[in-house]
Amino acid sequence: AKSDGYATVVLSDTSVWILRLAGDKANYIHVH
């Protein structure tokens, strides 16, 4: 909520991933 519903993470291989909220209650982290 602090970043308009999206967040960005950088992994060990320097790839960048976008995080969003998934609709699933148990698996709530949507990654692409």
Full PDB file with SEQRES, HELIX, SHEET, SSBOND, CRYST1, ORIGX, SCALE, CONECT and MASTER records, all heavy atoms in Angstrom:
SEQRES   1 A   32  ALA LYS SER ASP GLY TYR ALA THR VAL VAL LEU SER ASP          
SEQRES   2 A   32  THR SER VAL TRP ILE LEU ARG LEU ALA GLY ASP LYS ALA          
SEQRES   3 A   32  ASN TYR ILE HIS VAL HIS                                      
SHEET    1 AA1 3 ALA A   7  VAL A  10  0                                        
SHEET    2 AA1 3 VAL A  16  LEU A  21 -1                                        
SHEET    3 AA1 3 ILE A  29  VAL A  31 -1                                        
CRYST1    1.000    1.000    1.000  90.00  90.00  90.00 P 1           1          
ORIGX1      1.000000  0.000000  0.000000        0.00000                         
ORIGX2      0.000000  1.000000  0.000000        0.00000                         
ORIGX3      0.000000  0.000000  1.000000        0.00000                         
SCALE1      1.000000  0.000000  0.000000        0.00000                         
SCALE2      0.000000  1.000000  0.000000        0.00000                         
SCALE3      0.000000  0.000000  1.000000        0.00000                         
ATOM      1  N   ALA A   1       0.830  -1.211   0.000  1.00  0.00           N  
ATOM      2  CA  ALA A   1       0.000   0.000   0.000  1.00  0.00           C  
ATOM      3  C   ALA A   1       0.864   1.260   0.000  1.00  0.00           C  
ATOM      4  O   ALA A   1       0.457   2.298  -0.533  1.00  0.00           O  
ATOM      5  CB  ALA A   1      -0.939   0.002   1.202  1.00  0.00           C  
ATOM      6  N   LYS A   2       2.056   1.174   0.541  1.00  0.00           N  
ATOM      7  CA  LYS A   2       2.961   2.331   0.595  1.00  0.00           C  
ATOM      8  C   LYS A   2       3.535   2.674  -0.776  1.00  0.00           C  
ATOM      9  O   LYS A   2       4.094   3.757  -0.951  1.00  0.00           O  
ATOM     10  CB  LYS A   2       4.106   2.051   1.566  1.00  0.00           C  
ATOM     11  CG  LYS A   2       3.672   1.937   2.998  1.00  0.00           C  
ATOM     12  CD  LYS A   2       4.838   1.567   3.888  1.00  0.00           C  
ATOM     13  CE  LYS A   2       4.367   1.311   5.308  1.00  0.00           C  
ATOM     14  NZ  LYS A   2       5.468   0.818   6.147  1.00  0.00           N  
ATOM     15  N   SER A   3       3.412   1.747  -1.739  1.00  0.00           N  
ATOM     16  CA  SER A   3       3.990   2.000  -3.071  1.00  0.00           C  
ATOM     17  C   SER A   3       2.996   1.690  -4.190  1.00  0.00           C  
ATOM     18  O   SER A   3       3.335   1.037  -5.170  1.00  0.00           O  
ATOM     19  CB  SER A   3       5.276   1.200  -3.248  1.00  0.00           C  
ATOM     20  OG  SER A   3       5.031  -0.177  -3.033  1.00  0.00           O  
ATOM     21  N   ASP A   4       1.758   2.128  -4.006  1.00  0.00           N  
ATOM     22  CA  ASP A   4       0.704   1.980  -5.020  1.00  0.00           C  
ATOM     23  C   ASP A   4       0.431   0.534  -5.423  1.00  0.00           C  
ATOM     24  O   ASP A   4       0.083   0.254  -6.569  1.00  0.00           O  
ATOM     25  CB  ASP A   4       1.026   2.810  -6.266  1.00  0.00           C  
ATOM     26  CG  ASP A   4       0.997   4.305  -5.975  1.00  0.00           C  
ATOM     27  OD1 ASP A   4       0.202   4.727  -5.119  1.00  0.00           O  
ATOM     28  OD2 ASP A   4       1.775   5.043  -6.617  1.00  0.00           O  
ATOM     29  N   GLY A   5       0.647  -0.406  -4.515  1.00  0.00           N  
ATOM     30  CA  GLY A   5       0.290  -1.797  -4.770  1.00  0.00           C  
ATOM     31  C   GLY A   5       1.363  -2.638  -5.424  1.00  0.00           C  
ATOM     32  O   GLY A   5       1.123  -3.798  -5.750  1.00  0.00           O  
ATOM     33  N   TYR A   6       2.548  -2.069  -5.640  1.00  0.00           N  
ATOM     34  CA  TYR A   6       3.651  -2.795  -6.269  1.00  0.00           C  
ATOM     35  C   TYR A   6       4.913  -2.618  -5.446  1.00  0.00           C  
ATOM     36  O   TYR A   6       5.093  -1.603  -4.784  1.00  0.00           O  
ATOM     37  CB  TYR A   6       3.953  -2.242  -7.672  1.00  0.00           C  
ATOM     38  CG  TYR A   6       2.836  -2.414  -8.654  1.00  0.00           C  
ATOM     39  CD1 TYR A   6       1.820  -1.482  -8.771  1.00  0.00           C  
ATOM     40  CD2 TYR A   6       2.812  -3.527  -9.487  1.00  0.00           C  
ATOM     41  CE1 TYR A   6       0.793  -1.643  -9.689  1.00  0.00           C  
ATOM     42  CE2 TYR A   6       1.791  -3.696 -10.411  1.00  0.00           C  
ATOM     43  CZ  TYR A   6       0.790  -2.746 -10.505  1.00  0.00           C  
ATOM     44  OH  TYR A   6      -0.218  -2.913 -11.415  1.00  0.00           O  
ATOM     45  N   ALA A   7       5.794  -3.592  -5.534  1.00  0.00           N  
ATOM     46  CA  ALA A   7       7.123  -3.469  -4.939  1.00  0.00           C  
ATOM     47  C   ALA A   7       8.109  -4.137  -5.884  1.00  0.00           C  
ATOM     48  O   ALA A   7       7.748  -4.990  -6.694  1.00  0.00           O  
ATOM     49  CB  ALA A   7       7.165  -4.132  -3.571  1.00  0.00           C  
ATOM     50  N   THR A   8       9.358  -3.732  -5.783  1.00  0.00           N  
ATOM     51  CA  THR A   8      10.418  -4.273  -6.624  1.00  0.00           C  
ATOM     52  C   THR A   8      11.492  -4.873  -5.733  1.00  0.00           C  
ATOM     53  O   THR A   8      11.872  -4.272  -4.728  1.00  0.00           O  
ATOM     54  CB  THR A   8      11.041  -3.154  -7.480  1.00  0.00           C  
ATOM     55  OG1 THR A   8      10.013  -2.554  -8.263  1.00  0.00           O  
ATOM     56  CG2 THR A   8      12.110  -3.692  -8.403  1.00  0.00           C  
ATOM     57  N   VAL A   9      11.977  -6.052  -6.107  1.00  0.00           N  
ATOM     58  CA  VAL A   9      13.100  -6.666  -5.409  1.00  0.00           C  
ATOM     59  C   VAL A   9      14.153  -7.073  -6.437  1.00  0.00           C  
ATOM     60  O   VAL A   9      13.825  -7.401  -7.579  1.00  0.00           O  
ATOM     61  CB  VAL A   9      12.689  -7.899  -4.567  1.00  0.00           C  
ATOM     62  CG1 VAL A   9      11.769  -7.500  -3.429  1.00  0.00           C  
ATOM     63  CG2 VAL A   9      12.042  -8.960  -5.419  1.00  0.00           C  
ATOM     64  N   VAL A  10      15.401  -7.039  -6.018  1.00  0.00           N  
ATOM     65  CA  VAL A  10      16.517  -7.459  -6.858  1.00  0.00           C  
ATOM     66  C   VAL A  10      17.114  -8.703  -6.219  1.00  0.00           C  
ATOM     67  O   VAL A  10      17.386  -8.719  -5.014  1.00  0.00           O  
ATOM     68  CB  VAL A  10      17.582  -6.345  -6.978  1.00  0.00           C  
ATOM     69  CG1 VAL A  10      18.749  -6.814  -7.832  1.00  0.00           C  
ATOM     70  CG2 VAL A  10      16.961  -5.081  -7.557  1.00  0.00           C  
ATOM     71  N   LEU A  11      17.313  -9.732  -7.030  1.00  0.00           N  
ATOM     72  CA  LEU A  11      17.818 -11.000  -6.513  1.00  0.00           C  
ATOM     73  C   LEU A  11      19.325 -11.137  -6.729  1.00  0.00           C  
ATOM     74  O   LEU A  11      19.958 -10.288  -7.355  1.00  0.00           O  
ATOM     75  CB  LEU A  11      17.063 -12.158  -7.156  1.00  0.00           C  
ATOM     76  CG  LEU A  11      15.541 -12.139  -6.960  1.00  0.00           C  
ATOM     77  CD1 LEU A  11      14.924 -13.408  -7.515  1.00  0.00           C  
ATOM     78  CD2 LEU A  11      15.164 -11.953  -5.501  1.00  0.00           C  
ATOM     79  N   SER A  12      19.888 -12.223  -6.231  1.00  0.00           N  
ATOM     80  CA  SER A  12      21.337 -12.432  -6.256  1.00  0.00           C  
ATOM     81  C   SER A  12      21.928 -12.449  -7.661  1.00  0.00           C  
ATOM     82  O   SER A  12      23.108 -12.143  -7.842  1.00  0.00           O  
ATOM     83  CB  SER A  12      21.686 -13.737  -5.533  1.00  0.00           C  
ATOM     84  OG  SER A  12      21.090 -14.838  -6.204  1.00  0.00           O  
ATOM     85  N   ASP A  13      21.133 -12.775  -8.650  1.00  0.00           N  
ATOM     86  CA  ASP A  13      21.633 -12.794 -10.041  1.00  0.00           C  
ATOM     87  C   ASP A  13      21.405 -11.460 -10.757  1.00  0.00           C  
ATOM     88  O   ASP A  13      21.553 -11.379 -11.963  1.00  0.00           O  
ATOM     89  CB  ASP A  13      20.995 -13.934 -10.832  1.00  0.00           C  
ATOM     90  CG  ASP A  13      19.514 -13.715 -11.099  1.00  0.00           C  
ATOM     91  OD1 ASP A  13      18.890 -12.848 -10.442  1.00  0.00           O  
ATOM     92  OD2 ASP A  13      18.960 -14.412 -11.969  1.00  0.00           O  
ATOM     93  N   THR A  14      21.022 -10.446 -10.028  1.00  0.00           N  
ATOM     94  CA  THR A  14      20.718  -9.077 -10.483  1.00  0.00           C  
ATOM     95  C   THR A  14      19.384  -8.955 -11.209  1.00  0.00           C  
ATOM     96  O   THR A  14      19.054  -7.881 -11.699  1.00  0.00           O  
ATOM     97  CB  THR A  14      21.837  -8.455 -11.372  1.00  0.00           C  
ATOM     98  OG1 THR A  14      21.863  -9.111 -12.645  1.00  0.00           O  
ATOM     99  CG2 THR A  14      23.196  -8.500 -10.693  1.00  0.00           C  
ATOM    100  N   SER A  15      18.607 -10.023 -11.279  1.00  0.00           N  
ATOM    101  CA  SER A  15      17.288  -9.926 -11.901  1.00  0.00           C  
ATOM    102  C   SER A  15      16.361  -9.108 -11.002  1.00  0.00           C  
ATOM    103  O   SER A  15      16.487  -9.110  -9.773  1.00  0.00           O  
ATOM    104  CB  SER A  15      16.692 -11.312 -12.171  1.00  0.00           C  
ATOM    105  OG  SER A  15      16.508 -12.034 -10.975  1.00  0.00           O  
ATOM    106  N   VAL A  16      15.435  -8.399 -11.644  1.00  0.00           N  
ATOM    107  CA  VAL A  16      14.489  -7.537 -10.946  1.00  0.00           C  
ATOM    108  C   VAL A  16      13.108  -8.185 -11.023  1.00  0.00           C  
ATOM    109  O   VAL A  16      12.683  -8.620 -12.101  1.00  0.00           O  
ATOM    110  CB  VAL A  16      14.456  -6.131 -11.581  1.00  0.00           C  
ATOM    111  CG1 VAL A  16      13.433  -5.240 -10.899  1.00  0.00           C  
ATOM    112  CG2 VAL A  16      15.846  -5.504 -11.542  1.00  0.00           C  
ATOM    113  N   TRP A  17      12.418  -8.220  -9.896  1.00  0.00           N  
ATOM    114  CA  TRP A  17      11.111  -8.855  -9.817  1.00  0.00           C  
ATOM    115  C   TRP A  17      10.095  -7.890  -9.238  1.00  0.00           C  
ATOM    116  O   TRP A  17      10.400  -7.117  -8.328  1.00  0.00           O  
ATOM    117  CB  TRP A  17      11.201 -10.129  -8.966  1.00  0.00           C  
ATOM    118  CG  TRP A  17      12.055 -11.145  -9.642  1.00  0.00           C  
ATOM    119  CD1 TRP A  17      13.425 -11.195  -9.647  1.00  0.00           C  
ATOM    120  CD2 TRP A  17      11.613 -12.207 -10.477  1.00  0.00           C  
ATOM    121  NE1 TRP A  17      13.859 -12.231 -10.430  1.00  0.00           N  
ATOM    122  CE2 TRP A  17      12.764 -12.876 -10.943  1.00  0.00           C  
ATOM    123  CE3 TRP A  17      10.367 -12.660 -10.870  1.00  0.00           C  
ATOM    124  CZ2 TRP A  17      12.693 -13.982 -11.793  1.00  0.00           C  
ATOM    125  CZ3 TRP A  17      10.292 -13.762 -11.707  1.00  0.00           C  
ATOM    126  CH2 TRP A  17      11.441 -14.403 -12.152  1.00  0.00           C  
ATOM    127  N   ILE A  18       8.893  -7.948  -9.756  1.00  0.00           N  
ATOM    128  CA  ILE A  18       7.794  -7.103  -9.312  1.00  0.00           C  
ATOM    129  C   ILE A  18       6.882  -7.940  -8.417  1.00  0.00           C  
ATOM    130  O   ILE A  18       6.509  -9.063  -8.771  1.00  0.00           O  
ATOM    131  CB  ILE A  18       6.977  -6.563 -10.516  1.00  0.00           C  
ATOM    132  CG1 ILE A  18       7.891  -5.881 -11.530  1.00  0.00           C  
ATOM    133  CG2 ILE A  18       5.856  -5.639 -10.043  1.00  0.00           C  
ATOM    134  CD1 ILE A  18       8.711  -4.737 -10.982  1.00  0.00           C  
ATOM    135  N   LEU A  19       6.533  -7.377  -7.283  1.00  0.00           N  
ATOM    136  CA  LEU A  19       5.641  -8.044  -6.332  1.00  0.00           C  
ATOM    137  C   LEU A  19       4.305  -7.316  -6.295  1.00  0.00           C  
ATOM    138  O   LEU A  19       4.266  -6.088  -6.287  1.00  0.00           O  
ATOM    139  CB  LEU A  19       6.253  -8.035  -4.928  1.00  0.00           C  
ATOM    140  CG  LEU A  19       7.674  -8.540  -4.771  1.00  0.00           C  
ATOM    141  CD1 LEU A  19       8.104  -8.445  -3.308  1.00  0.00           C  
ATOM    142  CD2 LEU A  19       7.800  -9.959  -5.274  1.00  0.00           C  
ATOM    143  N   ARG A  20       3.241  -8.087  -6.270  1.00  0.00           N  
ATOM    144  CA  ARG A  20       1.888  -7.555  -6.150  1.00  0.00           C  
ATOM    145  C   ARG A  20       1.121  -8.454  -5.195  1.00  0.00           C  
ATOM    146  O   ARG A  20       1.594  -9.512  -4.811  1.00  0.00           O  
ATOM    147  CB  ARG A  20       1.192  -7.533  -7.514  1.00  0.00           C  
ATOM    148  CG  ARG A  20       1.850  -6.582  -8.501  1.00  0.00           C  
ATOM    149  CD  ARG A  20       1.152  -6.547  -9.839  1.00  0.00           C  
ATOM    150  NE  ARG A  20      -0.282  -6.431  -9.697  1.00  0.00           N  
ATOM    151  CZ  ARG A  20      -1.161  -6.932 -10.562  1.00  0.00           C  
ATOM    152  NH1 ARG A  20      -0.752  -7.573 -11.627  1.00  0.00           N  
ATOM    153  NH2 ARG A  20      -2.441  -6.791 -10.375  1.00  0.00           N  
ATOM    154  N   LEU A  21      -0.083  -8.077  -4.894  1.00  0.00           N  
ATOM    155  CA  LEU A  21      -0.949  -8.893  -4.044  1.00  0.00           C  
ATOM    156  C   LEU A  21      -1.745  -9.851  -4.918  1.00  0.00           C  
ATOM    157  O   LEU A  21      -2.407  -9.438  -5.870  1.00  0.00           O  
ATOM    158  CB  LEU A  21      -1.902  -8.005  -3.240  1.00  0.00           C  
ATOM    159  CG  LEU A  21      -2.809  -8.726  -2.253  1.00  0.00           C  
ATOM    160  CD1 LEU A  21      -1.991  -9.401  -1.154  1.00  0.00           C  
ATOM    161  CD2 LEU A  21      -3.806  -7.741  -1.653  1.00  0.00           C  
ATOM    162  N   ALA A  22      -1.664 -11.132  -4.594  1.00  0.00           N  
ATOM    163  CA  ALA A  22      -2.435 -12.147  -5.318  1.00  0.00           C  
ATOM    164  C   ALA A  22      -3.799 -12.306  -4.657  1.00  0.00           C  
ATOM    165  O   ALA A  22      -3.967 -11.997  -3.475  1.00  0.00           O  
ATOM    166  CB  ALA A  22      -1.679 -13.472  -5.314  1.00  0.00           C  
ATOM    167  N   GLY A  23      -4.745 -12.814  -5.400  1.00  0.00           N  
ATOM    168  CA  GLY A  23      -6.089 -13.007  -4.870  1.00  0.00           C  
ATOM    169  C   GLY A  23      -6.194 -14.180  -3.913  1.00  0.00           C  
ATOM    170  O   GLY A  23      -7.078 -14.222  -3.069  1.00  0.00           O  
ATOM    171  N   ASP A  24      -5.294 -15.125  -4.021  1.00  0.00           N  
ATOM    172  CA  ASP A  24      -5.299 -16.320  -3.183  1.00  0.00           C  
ATOM    173  C   ASP A  24      -4.994 -15.933  -1.739  1.00  0.00           C  
ATOM    174  O   ASP A  24      -4.057 -15.204  -1.460  1.00  0.00           O  
ATOM    175  CB  ASP A  24      -4.244 -17.297  -3.709  1.00  0.00           C  
ATOM    176  CG  ASP A  24      -4.308 -18.659  -3.048  1.00  0.00           C  
ATOM    177  OD1 ASP A  24      -4.294 -18.716  -1.801  1.00  0.00           O  
ATOM    178  OD2 ASP A  24      -4.345 -19.660  -3.778  1.00  0.00           O  
ATOM    179  N   LYS A  25      -5.802 -16.425  -0.805  1.00  0.00           N  
ATOM    180  CA  LYS A  25      -5.616 -16.080   0.611  1.00  0.00           C  
ATOM    181  C   LYS A  25      -4.326 -16.659   1.181  1.00  0.00           C  
ATOM    182  O   LYS A  25      -3.621 -16.001   1.931  1.00  0.00           O  
ATOM    183  CB  LYS A  25      -6.808 -16.577   1.440  1.00  0.00           C  
ATOM    184  CG  LYS A  25      -8.097 -15.887   1.120  1.00  0.00           C  
ATOM    185  CD  LYS A  25      -8.125 -14.487   1.670  1.00  0.00           C  
ATOM    186  CE  LYS A  25      -9.495 -13.885   1.452  1.00  0.00           C  
ATOM    187  NZ  LYS A  25      -9.496 -12.464   1.596  1.00  0.00           N  
ATOM    188  N   ALA A  26      -3.994 -17.897   0.830  1.00  0.00           N  
ATOM    189  CA  ALA A  26      -2.805 -18.551   1.397  1.00  0.00           C  
ATOM    190  C   ALA A  26      -1.527 -18.146   0.672  1.00  0.00           C  
ATOM    191  O   ALA A  26      -0.488 -17.925   1.291  1.00  0.00           O  
ATOM    192  CB  ALA A  26      -2.976 -20.069   1.351  1.00  0.00           C  
ATOM    193  N   ASN A  27      -1.587 -18.068  -0.647  1.00  0.00           N  
ATOM    194  CA  ASN A  27      -0.424 -17.698  -1.463  1.00  0.00           C  
ATOM    195  C   ASN A  27      -0.650 -16.293  -1.997  1.00  0.00           C  
ATOM    196  O   ASN A  27      -1.029 -16.107  -3.142  1.00  0.00           O  
ATOM    197  CB  ASN A  27      -0.240 -18.703  -2.605  1.00  0.00           C  
ATOM    198  CG  ASN A  27      -0.044 -20.106  -2.086  1.00  0.00           C  
ATOM    199  OD1 ASN A  27       0.844 -20.348  -1.284  1.00  0.00           O  
ATOM    200  ND2 ASN A  27      -0.876 -21.031  -2.525  1.00  0.00           N  
ATOM    201  N   TYR A  28      -0.405 -15.319  -1.170  1.00  0.00           N  
ATOM    202  CA  TYR A  28      -0.798 -13.947  -1.459  1.00  0.00           C  
ATOM    203  C   TYR A  28       0.259 -13.110  -2.176  1.00  0.00           C  
ATOM    204  O   TYR A  28       0.010 -11.969  -2.532  1.00  0.00           O  
ATOM    205  CB  TYR A  28      -1.221 -13.237  -0.169  1.00  0.00           C  
ATOM    206  CG  TYR A  28      -0.222 -13.347   0.951  1.00  0.00           C  
ATOM    207  CD1 TYR A  28       0.831 -12.441   1.074  1.00  0.00           C  
ATOM    208  CD2 TYR A  28      -0.323 -14.367   1.890  1.00  0.00           C  
ATOM    209  CE1 TYR A  28       1.744 -12.550   2.098  1.00  0.00           C  
ATOM    210  CE2 TYR A  28       0.593 -14.480   2.911  1.00  0.00           C  
ATOM    211  CZ  TYR A  28       1.624 -13.565   3.024  1.00  0.00           C  
ATOM    212  OH  TYR A  28       2.530 -13.677   4.045  1.00  0.00           O  
ATOM    213  N   ILE A  29       1.440 -13.660  -2.399  1.00  0.00           N  
ATOM    214  CA  ILE A  29       2.495 -12.906  -3.074  1.00  0.00           C  
ATOM    215  C   ILE A  29       2.499 -13.266  -4.556  1.00  0.00           C  
ATOM    216  O   ILE A  29       2.782 -14.391  -4.937  1.00  0.00           O  
ATOM    217  CB  ILE A  29       3.875 -13.196  -2.447  1.00  0.00           C  
ATOM    218  CG1 ILE A  29       3.858 -12.830  -0.963  1.00  0.00           C  
ATOM    219  CG2 ILE A  29       4.973 -12.427  -3.187  1.00  0.00           C  
ATOM    220  CD1 ILE A  29       5.100 -13.268  -0.215  1.00  0.00           C  
ATOM    221  N   HIS A  30       2.176 -12.286  -5.386  1.00  0.00           N  
ATOM    222  CA  HIS A  30       2.195 -12.456  -6.840  1.00  0.00           C  
ATOM    223  C   HIS A  30       3.532 -11.910  -7.338  1.00  0.00           C  
ATOM    224  O   HIS A  30       3.897 -10.772  -7.040  1.00  0.00           O  
ATOM    225  CB  HIS A  30       1.029 -11.689  -7.469  1.00  0.00           C  
ATOM    226  CG  HIS A  30       1.054 -11.691  -8.955  1.00  0.00           C  
ATOM    227  ND1 HIS A  30       0.475 -12.687  -9.705  1.00  0.00           N  
ATOM    228  CD2 HIS A  30       1.595 -10.818  -9.843  1.00  0.00           C  
ATOM    229  CE1 HIS A  30       0.658 -12.425 -10.991  1.00  0.00           C  
ATOM    230  NE2 HIS A  30       1.335 -11.300 -11.101  1.00  0.00           N  
ATOM    231  N   VAL A  31       4.268 -12.717  -8.106  1.00  0.00           N  
ATOM    232  CA  VAL A  31       5.612 -12.363  -8.553  1.00  0.00           C  
ATOM    233  C   VAL A  31       5.696 -12.463 -10.068  1.00  0.00           C  
ATOM    234  O   VAL A  31       5.194 -13.421 -10.657  1.00  0.00           O  
ATOM    235  CB  VAL A  31       6.640 -13.353  -7.943  1.00  0.00           C  
ATOM    236  CG1 VAL A  31       8.035 -13.047  -8.410  1.00  0.00           C  
ATOM    237  CG2 VAL A  31       6.559 -13.356  -6.434  1.00  0.00           C  
ATOM    238  N   HIS A  32       6.327 -11.478 -10.697  1.00  0.00           N  
ATOM    239  CA  HIS A  32       6.652 -11.609 -12.117  1.00  0.00           C  
ATOM    240  C   HIS A  32       7.917 -10.822 -12.414  1.00  0.00           C  
ATOM    241  O   HIS A  32       8.257  -9.878 -11.697  1.00  0.00           O  
ATOM    242  CB  HIS A  32       5.485 -11.218 -13.025  1.00  0.00           C  
ATOM    243  CG  HIS A  32       5.032  -9.797 -12.895  1.00  0.00           C  
ATOM    244  ND1 HIS A  32       5.603  -8.772 -13.588  1.00  0.00           N  
ATOM    245  CD2 HIS A  32       4.052  -9.254 -12.141  1.00  0.00           C  
ATOM    246  CE1 HIS A  32       4.986  -7.641 -13.286  1.00  0.00           C  
ATOM    247  NE2 HIS A  32       4.053  -7.899 -12.403  1.00  0.00           N  
TER     248      HIS A  32                                                      
MASTER        0    0    0    0    3    0    0    6  247    1    0    3          
END                                                                             
